[in-house]
N, C-alpha and C. Protein backbone atom coordinates (compact mmCIF):
# COMPACT_ATOMS: atom_id res chain seq x y z
N MET A 1 118.96 -28.63 101.76
CA MET A 1 118.40 -28.34 101.28
C MET A 1 118.66 -27.45 100.47
N PRO A 2 118.90 -27.00 98.76
CA PRO A 2 119.21 -26.00 98.77
C PRO A 2 118.19 -24.49 98.48
N LYS A 3 119.08 -23.53 98.65
CA LYS A 3 118.88 -22.09 99.08
C LYS A 3 118.01 -21.79 97.74
N ALA A 4 117.26 -21.23 97.45
CA ALA A 4 116.08 -20.38 96.05
C ALA A 4 117.29 -18.98 96.03
N PRO A 5 117.52 -19.10 95.06
CA PRO A 5 117.93 -17.70 95.06
C PRO A 5 116.76 -16.62 95.27
N GLU A 6 117.75 -15.10 96.00
CA GLU A 6 116.87 -13.87 96.52
C GLU A 6 117.00 -13.43 95.21
N PRO A 7 115.40 -12.38 95.34
CA PRO A 7 115.00 -11.48 93.96
C PRO A 7 116.45 -10.46 94.30
N PRO A 8 116.50 -9.42 92.98
CA PRO A 8 117.32 -8.29 93.37
C PRO A 8 116.28 -7.67 94.42
N LYS A 9 116.73 -6.59 95.19
CA LYS A 9 116.26 -5.15 95.89
C LYS A 9 115.53 -4.42 94.81
N GLY A 10 114.82 -4.11 95.75
CA GLY A 10 113.51 -3.25 94.34
C GLY A 10 113.18 -3.89 93.94
N ARG A 11 113.06 -5.19 93.57
CA ARG A 11 111.93 -6.01 92.48
C ARG A 11 111.40 -6.76 93.98
N ARG A 12 110.17 -7.40 93.24
CA ARG A 12 109.07 -8.04 93.76
C ARG A 12 109.49 -9.42 93.12
N PRO A 13 109.51 -10.48 93.62
CA PRO A 13 109.50 -11.51 92.51
C PRO A 13 108.19 -11.70 92.27
N ARG A 14 108.27 -12.47 91.28
CA ARG A 14 106.64 -12.84 90.31
C ARG A 14 106.38 -14.55 91.14
N THR A 15 105.07 -14.58 91.06
CA THR A 15 104.69 -16.10 92.02
C THR A 15 103.34 -15.87 91.30
N THR A 16 103.76 -17.20 90.23
CA THR A 16 102.24 -17.90 90.16
C THR A 16 101.96 -19.54 91.40
N GLY A 17 101.00 -19.40 91.22
CA GLY A 17 99.83 -20.86 91.60
C GLY A 17 101.29 -21.92 92.04
N ALA A 18 101.77 -21.96 90.58
CA ALA A 18 102.38 -23.54 90.38
C ALA A 18 104.01 -23.48 92.05
N PRO A 19 104.21 -24.74 92.72
CA PRO A 19 105.36 -24.46 93.34
C PRO A 19 106.65 -24.24 93.18
N VAL A 20 107.54 -23.91 93.10
CA VAL A 20 109.42 -23.70 92.70
C VAL A 20 109.72 -24.65 93.23
N SER A 21 110.71 -25.10 91.99
CA SER A 21 110.47 -26.97 92.05
C SER A 21 112.15 -26.40 93.98
N GLY A 22 111.55 -27.01 94.76
CA GLY A 22 112.71 -27.62 95.66
C GLY A 22 111.37 -26.65 96.89
N ALA A 23 110.96 -25.84 96.95
CA ALA A 23 110.27 -24.78 97.42
C ALA A 23 108.84 -25.86 98.21
N SER A 24 108.54 -25.90 99.00
CA SER A 24 107.61 -26.77 99.98
C SER A 24 106.05 -26.39 100.50
N VAL A 25 105.25 -26.83 99.34
CA VAL A 25 103.89 -26.64 99.20
C VAL A 25 103.36 -26.57 100.86
N SER A 26 103.23 -26.87 101.77
CA SER A 26 102.56 -27.36 102.47
C SER A 26 102.77 -25.67 103.41
N PRO A 27 101.42 -25.47 103.83
CA PRO A 27 101.51 -24.17 105.13
C PRO A 27 101.64 -24.50 106.34
N PRO A 28 102.29 -23.58 106.75
CA PRO A 28 102.88 -23.28 108.16
C PRO A 28 102.27 -24.15 109.05
N SER A 29 102.49 -24.21 109.83
CA SER A 29 101.46 -24.53 111.31
C SER A 29 101.16 -23.33 111.48
N GLY A 30 99.78 -23.49 111.86
CA GLY A 30 99.02 -23.13 112.48
C GLY A 30 98.31 -21.36 111.75
N SER A 31 98.66 -21.40 110.35
CA SER A 31 97.86 -20.65 109.01
C SER A 31 96.93 -21.48 108.24
N GLY A 32 95.95 -20.70 107.79
CA GLY A 32 95.15 -21.19 106.99
C GLY A 32 95.34 -20.81 105.91
N GLY A 33 94.34 -21.28 104.89
CA GLY A 33 94.20 -20.04 103.35
C GLY A 33 94.71 -21.07 101.97
N SER A 34 94.51 -20.38 100.91
CA SER A 34 94.88 -21.25 99.80
C SER A 34 96.40 -21.00 99.02
N PRO A 35 96.86 -22.04 98.54
CA PRO A 35 98.25 -22.31 98.75
C PRO A 35 99.03 -20.82 97.58
N ARG A 36 97.81 -20.63 96.73
CA ARG A 36 98.38 -19.35 96.16
C ARG A 36 98.95 -17.88 97.07
N ARG A 37 98.36 -18.06 98.02
CA ARG A 37 98.07 -16.71 99.09
C ARG A 37 99.49 -17.18 99.98
N ARG A 38 99.39 -18.64 100.13
CA ARG A 38 100.97 -18.57 101.24
C ARG A 38 102.00 -18.62 100.21
N SER A 39 102.34 -18.80 99.18
CA SER A 39 103.28 -18.64 98.24
C SER A 39 103.55 -17.11 98.22
N ARG A 40 102.95 -16.39 98.04
CA ARG A 40 102.58 -14.93 97.89
C ARG A 40 103.63 -14.22 99.62
N ARG A 41 102.82 -14.90 100.85
CA ARG A 41 103.44 -14.43 101.96
C ARG A 41 104.99 -14.65 102.01
N THR A 42 105.18 -16.19 101.70
CA THR A 42 106.49 -16.80 102.12
C THR A 42 107.25 -16.13 100.88
N ALA A 43 107.31 -15.41 100.10
CA ALA A 43 107.86 -14.35 99.21
C ALA A 43 108.03 -13.39 99.50
N ASP A 44 107.22 -12.63 100.41
CA ASP A 44 106.47 -11.37 100.41
C ASP A 44 107.52 -11.43 101.88
N ALA A 45 107.53 -12.65 103.02
CA ALA A 45 108.49 -12.22 104.07
C ALA A 45 109.68 -12.46 103.64
N THR A 46 110.49 -13.46 102.36
CA THR A 46 111.58 -13.36 102.08
C THR A 46 112.20 -12.37 101.77
N ALA A 47 111.33 -11.15 101.33
CA ALA A 47 111.74 -10.04 99.94
C ALA A 47 112.61 -9.02 101.13
N PRO A 48 113.60 -8.35 100.79
CA PRO A 48 113.91 -7.65 101.42
C PRO A 48 113.42 -6.10 101.05
N ARG A 49 112.64 -5.53 102.49
CA ARG A 49 112.13 -4.25 101.96
C ARG A 49 112.60 -3.25 102.60
N ASP A 50 112.67 -1.68 102.42
CA ASP A 50 112.89 -0.38 103.06
C ASP A 50 111.95 0.48 103.15
N ARG A 51 111.61 0.15 104.32
CA ARG A 51 109.91 1.52 104.80
C ARG A 51 110.75 2.78 105.41
N GLY A 52 111.63 2.62 105.87
CA GLY A 52 111.86 3.74 106.57
C GLY A 52 112.86 4.56 105.84
N GLY A 53 113.47 5.52 106.39
CA GLY A 53 114.56 6.59 105.57
C GLY A 53 115.60 6.26 105.75
N SER A 54 116.04 5.60 105.73
CA SER A 54 117.75 4.75 106.58
C SER A 54 118.49 5.00 105.57
N GLY A 55 118.89 5.90 104.14
CA GLY A 55 119.76 6.12 103.97
C GLY A 55 119.92 4.95 102.40
N ALA A 56 119.36 3.62 102.62
CA ALA A 56 119.37 2.49 101.77
C ALA A 56 119.51 3.42 100.19
N GLU A 57 119.62 2.29 99.41
CA GLU A 57 118.69 2.82 97.60
C GLU A 57 117.50 2.32 98.08
N PRO A 58 116.71 3.28 97.80
CA PRO A 58 115.44 3.21 97.13
C PRO A 58 114.95 2.39 95.76
N THR A 59 113.73 2.02 96.75
CA THR A 59 113.95 0.64 95.76
C THR A 59 112.44 0.77 95.12
N GLY A 60 111.71 1.74 94.77
CA GLY A 60 110.48 2.16 93.74
C GLY A 60 111.09 2.25 92.58
N ARG A 61 110.52 3.55 91.26
CA ARG A 61 111.58 3.45 90.25
C ARG A 61 111.73 4.63 90.60
N PRO A 62 112.24 5.19 89.40
CA PRO A 62 112.93 5.99 89.36
C PRO A 62 112.36 7.46 89.37
N ALA A 63 112.40 8.86 89.49
CA ALA A 63 112.09 9.90 89.66
C ALA A 63 111.78 10.36 88.50
N LEU A 64 112.88 10.07 86.84
CA LEU A 64 112.41 11.03 85.78
C LEU A 64 112.51 9.45 84.87
N THR A 65 111.27 9.04 84.30
CA THR A 65 111.52 7.46 83.39
C THR A 65 111.59 8.34 81.77
N SER A 66 112.02 7.53 81.05
CA SER A 66 112.33 7.80 80.24
C SER A 66 110.87 8.08 79.27
N ARG A 67 109.78 7.44 79.52
CA ARG A 67 108.18 8.19 79.32
C ARG A 67 108.32 9.76 79.75
N ALA A 68 108.48 9.78 81.31
CA ALA A 68 108.65 11.15 81.75
C ALA A 68 109.57 11.96 80.65
N ALA A 69 110.51 11.62 80.45
CA ALA A 69 111.08 12.90 79.62
C ALA A 69 110.89 12.99 78.18
N ILE A 70 110.90 11.97 78.17
CA ILE A 70 110.20 12.04 76.39
C ILE A 70 108.87 13.34 76.06
N LEU A 71 107.99 12.84 77.13
CA LEU A 71 106.86 13.32 77.48
C LEU A 71 107.01 15.09 77.69
N ALA A 72 107.80 15.40 78.65
CA ALA A 72 108.07 16.82 78.66
C ALA A 72 109.04 17.21 77.86
N LEU A 73 109.71 16.46 77.15
CA LEU A 73 110.14 17.05 75.40
C LEU A 73 109.02 17.22 74.58
N LEU A 74 108.04 16.40 74.84
CA LEU A 74 107.11 16.08 73.59
C LEU A 74 106.16 17.83 74.08
N VAL A 75 105.97 17.92 75.57
CA VAL A 75 105.57 19.47 75.68
C VAL A 75 106.20 20.60 75.66
N CYS A 76 107.57 20.51 75.86
CA CYS A 76 108.52 21.69 75.49
C CYS A 76 108.32 22.22 74.24
N VAL A 77 108.29 20.81 73.08
CA VAL A 77 108.04 21.11 71.69
C VAL A 77 106.77 21.92 71.20
N ILE A 78 106.07 21.74 72.20
CA ILE A 78 104.50 21.90 71.75
C ILE A 78 104.14 23.59 71.73
N ALA A 79 105.08 23.69 72.95
CA ALA A 79 105.02 25.20 73.85
C ALA A 79 106.33 26.16 72.90
N LEU A 80 107.25 25.73 72.42
CA LEU A 80 107.86 26.59 71.76
C LEU A 80 107.32 26.59 70.44
N SER A 81 106.66 25.59 69.73
CA SER A 81 105.83 26.06 68.90
C SER A 81 105.13 27.24 68.24
N LEU A 82 104.32 26.68 69.35
CA LEU A 82 103.04 27.86 69.74
C LEU A 82 103.60 29.00 69.78
N ALA A 83 104.71 29.23 70.52
CA ALA A 83 104.82 30.55 71.23
C ALA A 83 105.25 31.36 69.89
N TYR A 84 105.29 31.43 68.90
CA TYR A 84 105.68 32.40 67.76
C TYR A 84 104.96 32.82 66.82
N PRO A 85 103.42 31.79 67.16
CA PRO A 85 102.38 32.18 66.19
C PRO A 85 101.59 33.11 66.92
N LEU A 86 101.77 32.58 68.83
CA LEU A 86 101.00 33.65 69.86
C LEU A 86 101.48 34.37 69.06
N ARG A 87 102.10 35.30 69.40
CA ARG A 87 103.06 36.08 69.56
C ARG A 87 102.85 37.00 68.62
N GLU A 88 102.94 36.53 67.05
CA GLU A 88 102.33 36.97 66.10
C GLU A 88 100.69 37.74 65.97
N TYR A 89 100.36 36.40 66.48
CA TYR A 89 98.15 36.98 66.36
C TYR A 89 97.97 37.75 67.59
N ILE A 90 99.00 37.98 68.04
CA ILE A 90 99.06 39.11 69.44
C ILE A 90 99.66 40.31 69.08
N ALA A 91 100.23 40.58 68.26
CA ALA A 91 100.95 41.75 66.99
C ALA A 91 99.49 41.93 66.53
N GLN A 92 99.96 41.34 65.62
CA GLN A 92 98.49 41.40 64.38
C GLN A 92 97.65 42.19 65.20
N ARG A 93 96.33 41.63 66.38
CA ARG A 93 95.62 42.31 67.01
C ARG A 93 95.77 43.38 67.43
N ALA A 94 97.45 43.78 68.01
CA ALA A 94 97.54 45.20 68.11
C ALA A 94 97.60 46.26 67.27
N GLN A 95 97.74 45.60 65.93
CA GLN A 95 98.10 46.39 65.06
C GLN A 95 96.50 46.66 63.93
N ILE A 96 95.99 45.50 63.91
CA ILE A 96 94.56 46.09 63.75
C ILE A 96 93.66 47.00 64.41
N ALA A 97 93.85 46.76 65.64
CA ALA A 97 92.87 47.79 67.10
C ALA A 97 93.68 49.18 66.33
N GLN A 98 94.77 49.64 66.60
CA GLN A 98 95.40 50.38 65.80
C GLN A 98 95.08 51.27 64.26
N LEU A 99 95.17 49.80 63.54
CA LEU A 99 93.97 50.93 62.23
C LEU A 99 92.76 51.04 62.69
N LYS A 100 92.52 50.83 63.32
CA LYS A 100 90.86 51.10 63.49
C LYS A 100 90.89 51.96 64.02
N GLU A 101 91.21 52.78 64.77
CA GLU A 101 91.26 53.92 65.79
C GLU A 101 92.03 54.90 64.56
N GLU A 102 92.96 54.60 63.62
CA GLU A 102 93.48 55.28 62.96
C GLU A 102 92.52 55.96 61.87
N ARG A 103 91.47 54.66 61.33
CA ARG A 103 90.32 54.77 60.59
C ARG A 103 89.47 55.51 60.89
N ALA A 104 89.15 55.79 61.95
CA ALA A 104 88.13 56.17 63.27
C ALA A 104 88.11 57.83 62.90
N HIS A 105 89.93 57.97 63.06
CA HIS A 105 90.17 59.41 63.19
C HIS A 105 89.90 60.05 61.39
N THR A 106 90.17 59.25 60.73
CA THR A 106 90.43 59.35 58.93
C THR A 106 88.77 60.06 59.06
N ARG A 107 87.72 59.01 59.11
CA ARG A 107 86.69 58.84 58.56
C ARG A 107 85.96 60.81 59.60
N GLN A 108 86.31 61.19 60.71
CA GLN A 108 86.42 62.18 61.55
C GLN A 108 86.47 63.96 60.81
N ALA A 109 88.09 63.02 60.61
CA ALA A 109 88.35 64.17 59.63
C ALA A 109 87.81 64.40 58.14
N VAL A 110 87.38 63.28 57.46
CA VAL A 110 86.79 63.66 55.79
C VAL A 110 85.14 64.04 56.70
N GLN A 111 85.02 63.81 57.53
CA GLN A 111 83.14 64.21 57.84
C GLN A 111 83.87 65.78 58.32
N GLU A 112 84.64 66.23 58.64
CA GLU A 112 84.75 67.94 58.61
C GLU A 112 84.87 68.62 57.34
N LEU A 113 86.18 67.63 56.87
CA LEU A 113 86.08 68.26 55.69
C LEU A 113 84.72 68.57 54.82
N ALA A 114 83.85 67.44 54.86
CA ALA A 114 82.85 67.48 54.34
C ALA A 114 81.77 68.88 54.47
N GLU A 115 81.86 68.95 55.67
CA GLU A 115 81.14 70.07 56.90
C GLU A 115 81.90 71.15 55.95
N ARG A 116 83.81 71.48 55.88
CA ARG A 116 84.04 72.67 55.43
C ARG A 116 83.19 72.79 53.90
N TYR A 117 83.23 72.20 53.52
CA TYR A 117 82.92 71.97 51.33
C TYR A 117 81.91 72.68 52.06
N GLU A 118 80.49 71.94 52.35
CA GLU A 118 79.62 72.50 52.19
C GLU A 118 79.13 74.38 52.61
N GLU A 119 80.01 74.35 53.16
CA GLU A 119 80.20 75.52 54.37
C GLU A 119 80.62 76.78 53.02
N LEU A 120 81.69 76.44 52.18
CA LEU A 120 82.01 77.30 51.16
C LEU A 120 81.69 77.45 49.87
N GLN A 121 80.31 76.20 49.89
CA GLN A 121 79.97 76.32 48.83
C GLN A 121 78.53 77.40 49.11
N ASP A 122 78.24 78.06 50.17
CA ASP A 122 77.33 78.73 50.46
C ASP A 122 78.28 80.33 50.00
N PRO A 123 76.97 81.05 49.13
CA PRO A 123 77.94 82.53 48.92
C PRO A 123 78.16 83.68 49.98
N ALA A 124 77.46 83.96 51.18
CA ALA A 124 77.43 84.00 52.05
C ALA A 124 78.30 84.67 53.02
N HIS A 125 78.97 82.92 53.54
CA HIS A 125 79.68 82.50 53.88
C HIS A 125 81.37 82.97 53.31
N ILE A 126 81.55 82.13 51.99
CA ILE A 126 82.47 83.48 51.28
C ILE A 126 82.69 84.74 51.54
N GLU A 127 81.40 85.36 51.62
CA GLU A 127 81.75 86.81 51.46
C GLU A 127 82.39 87.26 53.46
N ARG A 128 81.64 86.52 54.17
CA ARG A 128 81.85 86.80 55.29
C ARG A 128 83.35 86.71 55.40
N GLU A 129 83.88 85.36 54.70
CA GLU A 129 85.38 84.77 54.85
C GLU A 129 86.20 86.25 54.46
N ALA A 130 86.05 86.49 53.08
CA ALA A 130 86.53 87.18 52.80
C ALA A 130 86.94 89.26 53.37
N ARG A 131 86.12 89.35 54.16
CA ARG A 131 85.54 90.45 54.49
C ARG A 131 86.45 90.34 56.08
N SER A 132 86.29 89.38 56.35
CA SER A 132 87.51 89.67 57.54
C SER A 132 88.55 89.27 57.96
N ARG A 133 88.43 87.51 56.79
CA ARG A 133 90.33 87.68 56.68
C ARG A 133 91.16 88.32 55.84
N LEU A 134 90.56 88.72 54.70
CA LEU A 134 91.18 89.46 53.91
C LEU A 134 91.01 90.38 54.04
N HIS A 135 89.99 91.12 54.25
CA HIS A 135 89.61 92.84 54.40
C HIS A 135 89.07 93.40 53.25
N TYR A 136 88.35 92.32 52.23
CA TYR A 136 88.00 92.87 51.24
C TYR A 136 86.87 93.33 51.64
N GLN A 137 86.44 94.47 50.43
CA GLN A 137 85.17 95.15 50.21
C GLN A 137 84.80 95.67 49.07
N TYR A 138 83.48 96.40 48.55
CA TYR A 138 83.03 96.14 47.52
C TYR A 138 83.29 97.71 47.33
N PRO A 139 83.09 98.14 45.89
CA PRO A 139 83.65 99.08 45.18
C PRO A 139 83.44 100.82 46.09
N ASP A 140 81.94 100.26 45.88
CA ASP A 140 81.26 101.87 46.51
C ASP A 140 81.42 101.86 48.08
N GLU A 141 81.85 100.72 49.17
CA GLU A 141 82.31 100.77 50.32
C GLU A 141 83.57 101.48 50.84
N GLN A 142 83.29 102.50 51.88
CA GLN A 142 84.60 102.90 52.66
C GLN A 142 85.03 101.88 53.63
N ALA A 143 86.26 101.86 53.74
CA ALA A 143 86.85 101.03 55.08
C ALA A 143 87.84 102.28 56.29
N TYR A 144 87.12 101.97 56.71
CA TYR A 144 87.87 102.44 58.27
C TYR A 144 88.98 101.24 58.94
N ILE A 145 90.54 102.20 59.08
CA ILE A 145 91.50 101.19 59.85
C ILE A 145 91.18 102.69 61.34
N LEU A 146 90.89 101.93 62.05
CA LEU A 146 91.17 102.50 63.37
C LEU A 146 92.81 102.54 64.35
N LEU A 147 93.54 103.29 64.54
CA LEU A 147 94.74 103.41 65.20
C LEU A 147 94.74 103.40 66.47
N GLY A 148 95.12 103.00 67.56
CA GLY A 148 95.80 103.15 68.86
C GLY A 148 94.50 102.25 69.23
N GLU A 149 93.78 101.24 68.68
CA GLU A 149 93.59 99.89 69.34
C GLU A 149 94.31 98.95 68.82
N THR A 150 94.50 98.18 69.88
CA THR A 150 95.19 97.02 69.94
C THR A 150 95.11 95.86 69.92
N SER A 151 95.97 94.64 69.40
CA SER A 151 94.84 93.43 69.13
C SER A 151 95.92 92.63 70.40
N GLU A 152 95.06 92.00 70.76
CA GLU A 152 95.51 90.93 72.26
C GLU A 152 96.73 90.27 71.87
N GLU A 153 97.49 89.90 70.28
CA GLU A 153 98.40 89.50 69.40
C GLU A 153 98.73 90.61 70.20
N GLU A 154 98.91 92.04 69.76
CA GLU A 154 100.03 93.06 69.94
C GLU A 154 100.50 93.17 71.05
N GLU A 155 99.78 92.76 71.86
CA GLU A 155 99.50 92.62 73.83
C GLU A 155 100.46 92.25 74.54
N VAL A 156 100.72 90.92 73.56
CA VAL A 156 101.49 89.93 74.38
C VAL A 156 102.62 90.26 73.62
N GLU A 157 103.06 90.81 72.49
CA GLU A 157 104.36 90.46 71.94
C GLU A 157 104.55 91.84 72.94
N ASP A 158 104.02 92.78 73.34
CA ASP A 158 104.88 93.95 73.49
C ASP A 158 105.24 94.23 75.06
N SER A 159 104.74 92.99 75.90
CA SER A 159 105.06 92.79 76.86
C SER A 159 106.58 91.81 77.30
N GLY A 160 107.32 91.56 76.29
CA GLY A 160 107.93 90.45 76.29
C GLY A 160 109.30 91.97 77.23
N PRO A 161 110.40 90.91 76.77
CA PRO A 161 111.42 91.62 77.70
C PRO A 161 111.79 92.90 76.60
N ARG A 162 112.32 93.91 77.30
CA ARG A 162 112.94 94.88 76.19
C ARG A 162 114.02 94.84 75.52
N GLU A 163 115.38 94.17 76.56
CA GLU A 163 116.12 93.80 76.44
C GLU A 163 116.66 93.10 75.81
N PRO A 164 117.79 92.36 75.32
CA PRO A 164 118.63 90.98 74.90
C PRO A 164 118.38 90.08 75.82
N TRP A 165 118.61 89.01 75.32
CA TRP A 165 118.66 88.26 76.14
C TRP A 165 119.72 87.50 76.94
N PHE A 166 120.75 88.30 76.29
CA PHE A 166 122.14 87.91 77.27
C PHE A 166 122.56 88.85 78.14
N VAL A 167 121.41 89.97 77.84
CA VAL A 167 122.37 90.73 79.28
C VAL A 167 121.10 91.29 80.19
N GLU A 168 120.02 89.96 80.20
CA GLU A 168 119.60 89.40 81.03
C GLU A 168 120.08 88.64 82.13
N LEU A 169 120.62 87.84 81.18
CA LEU A 169 121.79 87.02 81.88
C LEU A 169 122.28 86.76 82.89
N TRP A 170 123.12 88.11 82.05
CA TRP A 170 124.19 88.75 83.00
C TRP A 170 123.74 89.45 84.06
N ASP A 171 122.88 90.22 83.83
CA ASP A 171 122.44 90.84 85.04
C ASP A 171 121.82 90.07 86.62
N SER A 172 121.01 88.90 86.01
CA SER A 172 121.05 87.65 86.56
C SER A 172 121.73 87.13 87.28
N VAL A 173 123.12 86.46 86.99
CA VAL A 173 124.78 86.53 87.02
C VAL A 173 124.88 87.33 88.37
N ALA A 174 124.75 88.54 87.98
CA ALA A 174 125.41 89.80 88.54
C ALA A 174 124.59 89.90 90.26
N GLU A 175 123.14 89.57 90.08
CA GLU A 175 122.02 89.78 90.89
C GLU A 175 122.50 88.64 91.74
N ALA A 176 122.78 87.53 90.81
CA ALA A 176 123.54 86.31 92.42
C ALA A 176 124.22 86.57 93.12
N ASP A 177 125.11 87.32 92.89
CA ASP A 177 126.10 87.67 93.41
C ASP A 177 126.03 88.08 95.15
N ARG A 178 125.39 89.03 94.45
CA ARG A 178 125.25 90.20 95.45
C ARG A 178 124.52 89.28 96.78
N PRO A 179 124.60 88.51 97.52
CA PRO A 179 123.95 88.20 98.90
C PRO A 179 122.54 89.34 99.65
N ASP A 180 123.29 90.49 99.74
CA ASP A 180 122.03 91.45 100.31
C ASP A 180 120.49 92.19 99.44
N ALA A 181 120.86 92.16 98.08
CA ALA A 181 119.80 92.11 96.94
C ALA A 181 118.48 91.70 97.27
């Protein structure tokens, strides 16, 4: 009897309910069941299987199919196409926050200037400023200048170095040269 061709490795033969020409339909001795089940059992028994990691060729699907590659490529394209608009969105949100902060500072400055404007509309305030800053007086008043009193600013200036800086520098170099000092 001619032998049926063996299916390629890694593939399972398709079986239908109809017997293949040259194959017997009678069930093997001692087994029961429908002819369809028997034909699958017989086909399964004849197909080679690799159940262990014996180093033989894998019998399943390849790890990366063309559909998976296309899907991965599509996901990458979508991610790259969304990256630039997302970066621009984040940059614009940061710019908006900065402009809001700047606007708050500007409003505060405007409010301070409005208060200053209201102060300058008062004649009594203008007179106080003229007397304190510009040392103005009315024609019938006498102004006195006190000598001997120094302001805090003049004291700070007087306490500075009395010699030029280069003399102090040379003195510090000479002092560092003497270890006993």
